[in-house]
Amino acid sequence: MARPPLPIGTWGAIRTEKLGPNRYCARTRFRDHDGKTRDVEATDTTGPAAIRALKVKLRDRATPNDDEITRDTHVSVLARLWLDEITAEERVTSQTISRYEISVRVSIEPALGNLRIREATAGRLDRFLRKVAEDRPSAAKGAKVVLGQMFALAVRRGALTANPVRDAGRLRNPRRKVVALVRQPPFVR
């Protein structure tokens, strides 16, 4: 009976080999998301360090694709591609697209534009949205909508397996102080 294949996105036993003084290599077989099993290796100065380097490499291993959106794509590039896509679809009004562009230019790009998609975790996005909500709650809600749609595009193109914006916390409007109207006696002449 043949050995069953590795599940997709997993690896087999890790082997280490000494290459020379202060040089070790860690190797394993990894089953990529296209179903092919490939050799992956990493080197470092000690055996355990080589194993750690290999595990980092395996963790960050992306689905092999020929798409322009990968896990290493910057958030600013993802924003541009997403805006181009919704503009070409013509399902959204030009006023809405303009509002989305303002949200990207004012809020998202300055804070998150240099991050890679894989670095935009739910926690990091949650902190960003809460910081924006401190000054402008409506801008934070708009930014969350835009980020959600941008990262949904990354999921559709295979760069991510899940949308991190969905796991970001819920934004709440600050409670407003209620002021009751006081009834004045009628004006008498």
N, C-alpha and C. Protein backbone atom coordinates (compact mmCIF):
# COMPACT_ATOMS: atom_id res chain seq x y z
N MET A 1 0.84 -1.18 0.00
CA MET A 1 0.00 0.00 0.00
C MET A 1 0.89 1.25 0.00
N ALA A 2 0.57 2.20 -0.86
CA ALA A 2 1.38 3.40 -1.01
C ALA A 2 1.15 4.36 0.16
N ARG A 3 2.15 5.15 0.42
CA ARG A 3 2.07 6.15 1.48
C ARG A 3 1.14 7.28 1.01
N PRO A 4 0.22 7.74 1.87
CA PRO A 4 -0.66 8.84 1.45
C PRO A 4 0.15 10.13 1.30
N PRO A 5 -0.27 11.00 0.37
CA PRO A 5 0.48 12.25 0.17
C PRO A 5 0.30 13.19 1.36
N LEU A 6 1.22 14.12 1.48
CA LEU A 6 1.10 15.15 2.51
C LEU A 6 -0.15 15.98 2.24
N PRO A 7 -0.82 16.41 3.29
CA PRO A 7 -1.92 17.36 3.05
C PRO A 7 -1.37 18.66 2.47
N ILE A 8 -2.16 19.33 1.68
CA ILE A 8 -1.73 20.57 1.03
C ILE A 8 -1.39 21.61 2.09
N GLY A 9 -0.25 22.29 1.89
CA GLY A 9 0.19 23.33 2.81
C GLY A 9 0.95 22.80 4.01
N THR A 10 1.36 21.53 4.00
CA THR A 10 2.11 20.95 5.11
C THR A 10 3.45 20.42 4.62
N TRP A 11 4.30 20.04 5.58
CA TRP A 11 5.61 19.51 5.25
C TRP A 11 5.89 18.25 6.03
N GLY A 12 6.88 17.51 5.55
CA GLY A 12 7.27 16.26 6.17
C GLY A 12 8.34 16.48 7.24
N ALA A 13 9.10 15.41 7.52
CA ALA A 13 10.14 15.47 8.53
C ALA A 13 11.25 16.43 8.09
N ILE A 14 11.78 17.16 9.06
CA ILE A 14 12.87 18.11 8.78
C ILE A 14 14.19 17.41 9.07
N ARG A 15 15.11 17.46 8.09
CA ARG A 15 16.43 16.85 8.23
C ARG A 15 17.47 17.95 8.26
N THR A 16 18.48 17.79 9.09
CA THR A 16 19.57 18.77 9.12
C THR A 16 20.85 18.09 8.68
N GLU A 17 21.73 18.89 8.12
CA GLU A 17 23.01 18.38 7.62
C GLU A 17 24.07 19.45 7.85
N LYS A 18 25.24 19.04 8.30
CA LYS A 18 26.33 19.97 8.50
C LYS A 18 27.05 20.15 7.18
N LEU A 19 27.15 21.41 6.73
CA LEU A 19 27.78 21.70 5.46
C LEU A 19 29.25 22.08 5.63
N GLY A 20 29.60 22.57 6.78
CA GLY A 20 30.97 23.00 7.05
C GLY A 20 31.03 23.61 8.43
N PRO A 21 32.14 24.20 8.77
CA PRO A 21 32.22 24.83 10.09
C PRO A 21 31.22 25.99 10.17
N ASN A 22 30.40 25.95 11.19
CA ASN A 22 29.38 26.99 11.44
C ASN A 22 28.39 27.13 10.28
N ARG A 23 28.06 26.06 9.59
CA ARG A 23 27.09 26.11 8.49
C ARG A 23 26.26 24.83 8.49
N TYR A 24 24.96 24.97 8.71
CA TYR A 24 24.04 23.84 8.73
C TYR A 24 22.92 24.10 7.74
N CYS A 25 22.38 23.03 7.21
CA CYS A 25 21.27 23.11 6.26
C CYS A 25 20.11 22.28 6.80
N ALA A 26 18.91 22.84 6.77
CA ALA A 26 17.70 22.11 7.16
C ALA A 26 16.86 21.95 5.90
N ARG A 27 16.37 20.72 5.66
CA ARG A 27 15.59 20.41 4.45
C ARG A 27 14.32 19.68 4.82
N THR A 28 13.32 19.86 3.98
CA THR A 28 12.08 19.10 4.10
C THR A 28 11.37 19.10 2.76
N ARG A 29 10.33 18.30 2.68
CA ARG A 29 9.47 18.26 1.49
C ARG A 29 8.18 18.99 1.86
N PHE A 30 7.74 19.91 0.98
CA PHE A 30 6.56 20.72 1.22
C PHE A 30 5.58 20.50 0.10
N ARG A 31 4.31 20.26 0.45
CA ARG A 31 3.27 20.10 -0.58
C ARG A 31 2.61 21.45 -0.80
N ASP A 32 2.91 22.03 -1.96
CA ASP A 32 2.39 23.35 -2.30
C ASP A 32 0.90 23.30 -2.58
N HIS A 33 0.33 24.49 -2.70
CA HIS A 33 -1.11 24.60 -2.90
C HIS A 33 -1.56 24.19 -4.30
N ASP A 34 -0.61 23.94 -5.18
CA ASP A 34 -0.96 23.42 -6.50
C ASP A 34 -0.89 21.89 -6.53
N GLY A 35 -0.60 21.28 -5.37
CA GLY A 35 -0.58 19.82 -5.26
C GLY A 35 0.79 19.19 -5.46
N LYS A 36 1.78 19.95 -5.91
CA LYS A 36 3.11 19.40 -6.14
C LYS A 36 3.92 19.44 -4.85
N THR A 37 4.72 18.39 -4.65
CA THR A 37 5.60 18.33 -3.49
C THR A 37 6.98 18.77 -3.93
N ARG A 38 7.53 19.76 -3.20
CA ARG A 38 8.82 20.34 -3.57
C ARG A 38 9.76 20.31 -2.38
N ASP A 39 11.07 20.30 -2.67
CA ASP A 39 12.09 20.39 -1.64
C ASP A 39 12.26 21.85 -1.25
N VAL A 40 12.33 22.10 0.07
CA VAL A 40 12.57 23.44 0.58
C VAL A 40 13.72 23.34 1.57
N GLU A 41 14.64 24.31 1.53
CA GLU A 41 15.77 24.25 2.45
C GLU A 41 16.14 25.65 2.92
N ALA A 42 16.82 25.70 4.08
CA ALA A 42 17.32 26.95 4.64
C ALA A 42 18.61 26.65 5.36
N THR A 43 19.52 27.61 5.40
CA THR A 43 20.80 27.41 6.07
C THR A 43 20.99 28.47 7.16
N ASP A 44 21.82 28.10 8.16
CA ASP A 44 22.16 29.03 9.23
C ASP A 44 23.41 28.51 9.93
N THR A 45 23.82 29.18 11.00
CA THR A 45 25.08 28.84 11.66
C THR A 45 24.99 27.62 12.57
N THR A 46 23.79 27.28 13.07
CA THR A 46 23.61 26.08 13.90
C THR A 46 22.45 25.27 13.36
N GLY A 47 22.37 24.02 13.79
CA GLY A 47 21.28 23.16 13.35
C GLY A 47 19.92 23.70 13.76
N PRO A 48 19.71 24.04 15.06
CA PRO A 48 18.41 24.59 15.47
C PRO A 48 18.07 25.92 14.77
N ALA A 49 19.08 26.75 14.53
CA ALA A 49 18.82 28.02 13.83
C ALA A 49 18.40 27.75 12.39
N ALA A 50 18.98 26.74 11.76
CA ALA A 50 18.60 26.39 10.40
C ALA A 50 17.16 25.87 10.37
N ILE A 51 16.77 25.10 11.40
CA ILE A 51 15.40 24.59 11.49
C ILE A 51 14.42 25.76 11.66
N ARG A 52 14.77 26.71 12.52
CA ARG A 52 13.90 27.89 12.71
C ARG A 52 13.78 28.69 11.41
N ALA A 53 14.89 28.87 10.71
CA ALA A 53 14.85 29.60 9.44
C ALA A 53 13.98 28.88 8.42
N LEU A 54 14.06 27.54 8.41
CA LEU A 54 13.24 26.76 7.49
C LEU A 54 11.76 26.89 7.84
N LYS A 55 11.43 26.86 9.12
CA LYS A 55 10.02 26.99 9.53
C LYS A 55 9.46 28.37 9.16
N VAL A 56 10.28 29.40 9.28
CA VAL A 56 9.84 30.74 8.85
C VAL A 56 9.59 30.75 7.35
N LYS A 57 10.48 30.13 6.61
CA LYS A 57 10.33 30.05 5.15
C LYS A 57 9.06 29.28 4.77
N LEU A 58 8.78 28.21 5.50
CA LEU A 58 7.58 27.42 5.23
C LEU A 58 6.32 28.20 5.59
N ARG A 59 6.38 28.93 6.70
CA ARG A 59 5.22 29.72 7.12
C ARG A 59 4.87 30.79 6.09
N ASP A 60 5.90 31.41 5.52
CA ASP A 60 5.68 32.50 4.58
C ASP A 60 5.54 32.04 3.14
N ARG A 61 5.59 30.72 2.94
CA ARG A 61 5.51 30.19 1.58
C ARG A 61 4.13 30.49 1.01
N ALA A 62 4.10 31.17 -0.09
CA ALA A 62 2.84 31.56 -0.71
C ALA A 62 2.42 30.55 -1.76
N THR A 63 1.18 30.61 -2.10
CA THR A 63 0.67 29.80 -3.19
C THR A 63 1.36 30.23 -4.47
N PRO A 64 1.98 29.30 -5.20
CA PRO A 64 2.61 29.73 -6.45
C PRO A 64 1.54 30.20 -7.43
N ASN A 65 1.62 31.44 -7.81
CA ASN A 65 0.67 31.95 -8.79
C ASN A 65 1.37 32.95 -9.68
N ASP A 66 0.78 33.21 -10.81
CA ASP A 66 1.34 34.16 -11.76
C ASP A 66 0.62 35.49 -11.67
N ASP A 67 -0.13 35.67 -10.61
CA ASP A 67 -0.93 36.87 -10.45
C ASP A 67 -0.07 38.05 -9.99
N GLU A 68 -0.59 39.24 -10.18
CA GLU A 68 0.15 40.41 -9.75
C GLU A 68 -0.04 40.69 -8.26
N ILE A 69 -0.93 39.97 -7.59
CA ILE A 69 -1.13 40.12 -6.15
C ILE A 69 -0.61 38.86 -5.46
N THR A 70 0.40 39.04 -4.62
CA THR A 70 0.96 37.94 -3.83
C THR A 70 1.02 38.39 -2.38
N ARG A 71 1.49 37.50 -1.51
CA ARG A 71 1.62 37.85 -0.10
C ARG A 71 2.65 38.95 0.12
N ASP A 72 3.55 39.16 -0.83
CA ASP A 72 4.58 40.19 -0.69
C ASP A 72 4.21 41.51 -1.35
N THR A 73 3.01 41.60 -1.90
CA THR A 73 2.54 42.84 -2.51
C THR A 73 2.29 43.87 -1.40
N HIS A 74 2.67 45.10 -1.65
CA HIS A 74 2.43 46.17 -0.67
C HIS A 74 0.94 46.53 -0.65
N VAL A 75 0.48 46.99 0.50
CA VAL A 75 -0.92 47.37 0.65
C VAL A 75 -1.26 48.53 -0.29
N SER A 76 -0.33 49.43 -0.53
CA SER A 76 -0.59 50.55 -1.45
C SER A 76 -0.83 50.05 -2.87
N VAL A 77 -0.10 49.02 -3.29
CA VAL A 77 -0.30 48.45 -4.63
C VAL A 77 -1.64 47.73 -4.69
N LEU A 78 -1.98 47.00 -3.61
CA LEU A 78 -3.29 46.34 -3.54
C LEU A 78 -4.40 47.37 -3.64
N ALA A 79 -4.26 48.50 -2.98
CA ALA A 79 -5.28 49.55 -3.03
C ALA A 79 -5.46 50.07 -4.46
N ARG A 80 -4.34 50.30 -5.16
CA ARG A 80 -4.41 50.79 -6.54
C ARG A 80 -5.11 49.78 -7.45
N LEU A 81 -4.73 48.49 -7.29
CA LEU A 81 -5.34 47.45 -8.13
C LEU A 81 -6.83 47.30 -7.83
N TRP A 82 -7.19 47.41 -6.55
CA TRP A 82 -8.60 47.30 -6.17
C TRP A 82 -9.40 48.48 -6.74
N LEU A 83 -8.84 49.71 -6.64
CA LEU A 83 -9.54 50.87 -7.20
C LEU A 83 -9.70 50.74 -8.71
N ASP A 84 -8.67 50.23 -9.38
CA ASP A 84 -8.77 50.01 -10.84
C ASP A 84 -9.86 49.01 -11.16
N GLU A 85 -9.97 47.97 -10.35
CA GLU A 85 -10.97 46.94 -10.61
C GLU A 85 -12.39 47.46 -10.42
N ILE A 86 -12.64 48.18 -9.33
CA ILE A 86 -14.02 48.65 -9.12
C ILE A 86 -14.39 49.76 -10.11
N THR A 87 -13.39 50.50 -10.57
CA THR A 87 -13.67 51.52 -11.59
C THR A 87 -14.03 50.86 -12.91
N ALA A 88 -13.33 49.79 -13.26
CA ALA A 88 -13.60 49.08 -14.52
C ALA A 88 -14.94 48.35 -14.48
N GLU A 89 -15.36 47.87 -13.33
CA GLU A 89 -16.63 47.13 -13.24
C GLU A 89 -17.83 48.02 -13.46
N GLU A 90 -17.75 49.28 -13.09
CA GLU A 90 -18.83 50.25 -13.25
C GLU A 90 -20.09 49.86 -12.49
N ARG A 91 -19.91 49.15 -11.36
CA ARG A 91 -21.08 48.81 -10.53
C ARG A 91 -21.26 49.82 -9.41
N VAL A 92 -20.24 50.63 -9.19
CA VAL A 92 -20.25 51.61 -8.10
C VAL A 92 -20.26 53.00 -8.72
N THR A 93 -21.02 53.91 -8.10
CA THR A 93 -21.10 55.26 -8.65
C THR A 93 -19.76 55.99 -8.52
N SER A 94 -19.61 57.00 -9.31
CA SER A 94 -18.34 57.75 -9.30
C SER A 94 -18.14 58.48 -7.97
N GLN A 95 -19.23 58.89 -7.32
CA GLN A 95 -19.11 59.54 -6.01
C GLN A 95 -18.58 58.57 -4.96
N THR A 96 -19.03 57.34 -5.01
CA THR A 96 -18.56 56.32 -4.06
C THR A 96 -17.09 56.01 -4.31
N ILE A 97 -16.70 55.90 -5.57
CA ILE A 97 -15.30 55.65 -5.91
C ILE A 97 -14.44 56.80 -5.42
N SER A 98 -14.93 58.02 -5.58
CA SER A 98 -14.20 59.19 -5.11
C SER A 98 -14.02 59.13 -3.59
N ARG A 99 -15.06 58.74 -2.87
CA ARG A 99 -14.98 58.59 -1.41
C ARG A 99 -13.98 57.52 -1.02
N TYR A 100 -13.97 56.40 -1.76
CA TYR A 100 -13.01 55.33 -1.51
C TYR A 100 -11.58 55.82 -1.75
N GLU A 101 -11.37 56.57 -2.85
CA GLU A 101 -10.03 57.09 -3.15
C GLU A 101 -9.54 58.02 -2.06
N ILE A 102 -10.42 58.85 -1.52
CA ILE A 102 -10.05 59.75 -0.43
C ILE A 102 -9.67 58.95 0.81
N SER A 103 -10.43 57.91 1.11
CA SER A 103 -10.11 57.07 2.27
C SER A 103 -8.75 56.40 2.11
N VAL A 104 -8.46 55.93 0.91
CA VAL A 104 -7.16 55.30 0.65
C VAL A 104 -6.05 56.34 0.78
N ARG A 105 -6.22 57.49 0.16
CA ARG A 105 -5.17 58.50 0.15
C ARG A 105 -4.93 59.13 1.53
N VAL A 106 -5.99 59.40 2.28
CA VAL A 106 -5.87 60.13 3.55
C VAL A 106 -5.57 59.21 4.73
N SER A 107 -6.25 58.08 4.80
CA SER A 107 -6.12 57.23 5.99
C SER A 107 -5.24 56.00 5.78
N ILE A 108 -5.48 55.24 4.73
CA ILE A 108 -4.88 53.92 4.60
C ILE A 108 -3.42 53.98 4.14
N GLU A 109 -3.15 54.67 3.05
CA GLU A 109 -1.78 54.67 2.52
C GLU A 109 -0.74 55.25 3.47
N PRO A 110 -1.01 56.37 4.16
CA PRO A 110 0.02 56.88 5.07
C PRO A 110 0.35 55.92 6.21
N ALA A 111 -0.63 55.19 6.70
CA ALA A 111 -0.39 54.32 7.85
C ALA A 111 -0.01 52.90 7.47
N LEU A 112 -0.59 52.36 6.40
CA LEU A 112 -0.41 50.94 6.06
C LEU A 112 0.20 50.70 4.69
N GLY A 113 0.43 51.73 3.91
CA GLY A 113 0.86 51.58 2.52
C GLY A 113 2.14 50.80 2.32
N ASN A 114 3.10 50.89 3.25
CA ASN A 114 4.37 50.20 3.09
C ASN A 114 4.38 48.79 3.64
N LEU A 115 3.29 48.37 4.27
CA LEU A 115 3.20 46.99 4.76
C LEU A 115 2.98 46.03 3.59
N ARG A 116 3.48 44.84 3.73
CA ARG A 116 3.15 43.79 2.77
C ARG A 116 1.83 43.16 3.21
N ILE A 117 1.12 42.54 2.28
CA ILE A 117 -0.18 41.97 2.60
C ILE A 117 -0.07 40.96 3.74
N ARG A 118 0.98 40.15 3.74
CA ARG A 118 1.13 39.14 4.80
C ARG A 118 1.38 39.76 6.16
N GLU A 119 1.85 41.00 6.20
CA GLU A 119 2.12 41.68 7.46
C GLU A 119 0.89 42.39 8.02
N ALA A 120 -0.15 42.52 7.23
CA ALA A 120 -1.37 43.20 7.66
C ALA A 120 -2.26 42.20 8.40
N THR A 121 -1.94 42.00 9.66
CA THR A 121 -2.69 41.05 10.48
C THR A 121 -3.95 41.70 11.01
N ALA A 122 -4.85 40.88 11.54
CA ALA A 122 -6.09 41.41 12.10
C ALA A 122 -5.80 42.36 13.26
N GLY A 123 -4.84 42.02 14.09
CA GLY A 123 -4.49 42.89 15.22
C GLY A 123 -3.93 44.23 14.77
N ARG A 124 -3.07 44.22 13.78
CA ARG A 124 -2.49 45.47 13.27
C ARG A 124 -3.57 46.34 12.63
N LEU A 125 -4.48 45.72 11.87
CA LEU A 125 -5.55 46.49 11.24
C LEU A 125 -6.52 47.02 12.30
N ASP A 126 -6.77 46.23 13.34
CA ASP A 126 -7.66 46.66 14.42
C ASP A 126 -7.08 47.88 15.13
N ARG A 127 -5.78 47.86 15.44
CA ARG A 127 -5.14 49.02 16.08
C ARG A 127 -5.23 50.25 15.19
N PHE A 128 -4.99 50.06 13.89
CA PHE A 128 -5.08 51.18 12.95
C PHE A 128 -6.48 51.78 12.95
N LEU A 129 -7.51 50.94 12.85
CA LEU A 129 -8.88 51.43 12.79
C LEU A 129 -9.28 52.13 14.08
N ARG A 130 -8.85 51.61 15.22
CA ARG A 130 -9.17 52.25 16.50
C ARG A 130 -8.48 53.62 16.62
N LYS A 131 -7.27 53.71 16.11
CA LYS A 131 -6.55 54.99 16.16
C LYS A 131 -7.26 56.03 15.29
N VAL A 132 -7.71 55.62 14.11
CA VAL A 132 -8.45 56.54 13.24
C VAL A 132 -9.77 56.92 13.89
N ALA A 133 -10.43 55.97 14.56
CA ALA A 133 -11.74 56.22 15.17
C ALA A 133 -11.66 57.20 16.34
N GLU A 134 -10.49 57.34 16.96
CA GLU A 134 -10.36 58.29 18.06
C GLU A 134 -10.65 59.71 17.60
N ASP A 135 -10.16 60.05 16.42
CA ASP A 135 -10.35 61.41 15.90
C ASP A 135 -11.58 61.53 15.01
N ARG A 136 -11.77 60.53 14.15
CA ARG A 136 -12.85 60.61 13.15
C ARG A 136 -13.54 59.25 13.02
N PRO A 137 -14.60 58.99 13.81
CA PRO A 137 -15.28 57.69 13.75
C PRO A 137 -15.83 57.34 12.36
N SER A 138 -16.34 58.33 11.63
CA SER A 138 -16.90 58.03 10.31
C SER A 138 -15.79 57.66 9.33
N ALA A 139 -14.62 58.27 9.46
CA ALA A 139 -13.49 57.92 8.59
C ALA A 139 -13.01 56.50 8.88
N ALA A 140 -13.07 56.08 10.14
CA ALA A 140 -12.67 54.72 10.49
C ALA A 140 -13.62 53.70 9.88
N LYS A 141 -14.91 54.00 9.89
CA LYS A 141 -15.87 53.08 9.28
C LYS A 141 -15.65 52.99 7.78
N GLY A 142 -15.40 54.12 7.14
CA GLY A 142 -15.12 54.12 5.71
C GLY A 142 -13.85 53.35 5.38
N ALA A 143 -12.81 53.54 6.22
CA ALA A 143 -11.55 52.83 6.00
C ALA A 143 -11.74 51.33 6.18
N LYS A 144 -12.59 50.93 7.12
CA LYS A 144 -12.83 49.49 7.33
C LYS A 144 -13.53 48.87 6.13
N VAL A 145 -14.47 49.60 5.56
CA VAL A 145 -15.16 49.12 4.36
C VAL A 145 -14.16 48.93 3.21
N VAL A 146 -13.32 49.95 3.01
CA VAL A 146 -12.34 49.90 1.93
C VAL A 146 -11.35 48.76 2.15
N LEU A 147 -10.80 48.66 3.37
CA LEU A 147 -9.85 47.58 3.66
C LEU A 147 -10.48 46.21 3.48
N GLY A 148 -11.73 46.06 3.91
CA GLY A 148 -12.41 44.79 3.75
C GLY A 148 -12.52 44.37 2.29
N GLN A 149 -12.85 45.32 1.43
CA GLN A 149 -12.97 45.00 0.01
C GLN A 149 -11.60 44.77 -0.64
N MET A 150 -10.59 45.54 -0.19
CA MET A 150 -9.24 45.33 -0.74
C MET A 150 -8.72 43.94 -0.41
N PHE A 151 -8.85 43.54 0.85
CA PHE A 151 -8.34 42.24 1.25
C PHE A 151 -9.21 41.10 0.72
N ALA A 152 -10.48 41.37 0.43
CA ALA A 152 -11.31 40.37 -0.23
C ALA A 152 -10.78 40.10 -1.64
N LEU A 153 -10.28 41.14 -2.31
CA LEU A 153 -9.66 40.96 -3.62
C LEU A 153 -8.40 40.09 -3.48
N ALA A 154 -7.60 40.33 -2.44
CA ALA A 154 -6.40 39.51 -2.22
C ALA A 154 -6.76 38.05 -1.97
N VAL A 155 -7.87 37.80 -1.27
CA VAL A 155 -8.32 36.43 -1.05
C VAL A 155 -8.77 35.80 -2.35
N ARG A 156 -9.53 36.54 -3.16
CA ARG A 156 -10.00 36.02 -4.44
C ARG A 156 -8.86 35.68 -5.38
N ARG A 157 -7.78 36.46 -5.33
CA ARG A 157 -6.63 36.22 -6.20
C ARG A 157 -5.66 35.19 -5.64
N GLY A 158 -5.92 34.66 -4.46
CA GLY A 158 -5.10 33.58 -3.92
C GLY A 158 -3.91 34.03 -3.11
N ALA A 159 -3.79 35.32 -2.82
CA ALA A 159 -2.64 35.80 -2.04
C ALA A 159 -2.83 35.51 -0.55
N LEU A 160 -4.08 35.47 -0.09
CA LEU A 160 -4.39 35.18 1.31
C LEU A 160 -5.45 34.10 1.37
N THR A 161 -5.51 33.41 2.49
CA THR A 161 -6.56 32.39 2.66
C THR A 161 -7.77 32.94 3.41
N ALA A 162 -7.57 34.01 4.18
CA ALA A 162 -8.68 34.61 4.93
C ALA A 162 -8.51 36.12 4.94
N ASN A 163 -9.62 36.81 5.08
CA ASN A 163 -9.63 38.26 5.11
C ASN A 163 -9.38 38.73 6.55
N PRO A 164 -8.24 39.39 6.83
CA PRO A 164 -7.95 39.80 8.21
C PRO A 164 -8.87 40.90 8.72
N VAL A 165 -9.53 41.64 7.85
CA VAL A 165 -10.41 42.72 8.28
C VAL A 165 -11.64 42.15 8.98
N ARG A 166 -12.06 40.97 8.59
CA ARG A 166 -13.22 40.34 9.23
C ARG A 166 -12.98 40.06 10.70
N ASP A 167 -11.73 39.81 11.07
CA ASP A 167 -11.41 39.50 12.46
C ASP A 167 -11.07 40.75 13.26
N ALA A 168 -11.00 41.89 12.62
CA ALA A 168 -10.76 43.15 13.35
C ALA A 168 -12.00 43.46 14.18
N GLY A 169 -11.79 44.16 15.26
CA GLY A 169 -12.89 44.46 16.18
C GLY A 169 -13.94 45.37 15.56
N ARG A 170 -15.09 45.36 16.19
CA ARG A 170 -16.20 46.18 15.72
C ARG A 170 -15.98 47.62 16.16
N LEU A 171 -16.27 48.55 15.27
CA LEU A 171 -16.13 49.97 15.60
C LEU A 171 -17.44 50.48 16.16
N ARG A 172 -17.33 51.19 17.25
CA ARG A 172 -18.53 51.73 17.89
C ARG A 172 -18.47 53.25 17.89
N ASN A 173 -19.63 53.86 17.74
CA ASN A 173 -19.69 55.31 17.83
C ASN A 173 -19.60 55.70 19.30
N PRO A 174 -18.89 56.79 19.60
CA PRO A 174 -18.85 57.22 21.00
C PRO A 174 -20.23 57.66 21.45
N ARG A 175 -20.53 57.38 22.71
CA ARG A 175 -21.84 57.79 23.23
C ARG A 175 -21.89 59.31 23.35
N ARG A 176 -22.99 59.83 22.96
CA ARG A 176 -23.16 61.27 23.04
C ARG A 176 -23.94 61.61 24.30
N LYS A 177 -23.62 62.73 24.87
CA LYS A 177 -24.32 63.18 26.06
C LYS A 177 -25.69 63.70 25.64
N VAL A 178 -26.71 63.20 26.29
CA VAL A 178 -28.07 63.59 25.96
C VAL A 178 -28.42 64.84 26.75
N VAL A 179 -28.91 65.82 26.06
CA VAL A 179 -29.31 67.07 26.70
C VAL A 179 -30.82 67.20 26.53
N ALA A 180 -31.51 67.26 27.66
CA ALA A 180 -32.97 67.37 27.62
C ALA A 180 -33.37 68.84 27.45
N LEU A 181 -34.42 69.04 26.70
CA LEU A 181 -34.94 70.39 26.53
C LEU A 181 -35.77 70.75 27.76
N VAL A 182 -35.61 71.94 28.22
CA VAL A 182 -36.38 72.41 29.37
C VAL A 182 -37.52 73.25 28.84
N ARG A 183 -38.70 72.93 29.35
CA ARG A 183 -39.88 73.66 28.88
C ARG A 183 -39.92 75.02 29.55
N GLN A 184 -40.05 76.04 28.75
CA GLN A 184 -40.12 77.41 29.24
C GLN A 184 -41.58 77.80 29.41
N PRO A 185 -41.83 78.58 30.42
CA PRO A 185 -43.22 79.04 30.55
C PRO A 185 -43.59 79.93 29.37
N PRO A 186 -44.83 79.95 29.00
CA PRO A 186 -45.23 80.77 27.86
C PRO A 186 -44.95 82.25 28.12
N PHE A 187 -44.66 82.93 27.06
CA PHE A 187 -44.35 84.36 27.16
C PHE A 187 -45.66 85.11 27.38
N VAL A 188 -45.69 85.91 28.43
CA VAL A 188 -46.90 86.66 28.75
C VAL A 188 -46.59 88.16 28.58
N ARG A 189 -47.54 88.88 27.97
CA ARG A 189 -47.35 90.32 27.78
C ARG A 189 -48.08 91.09 28.82
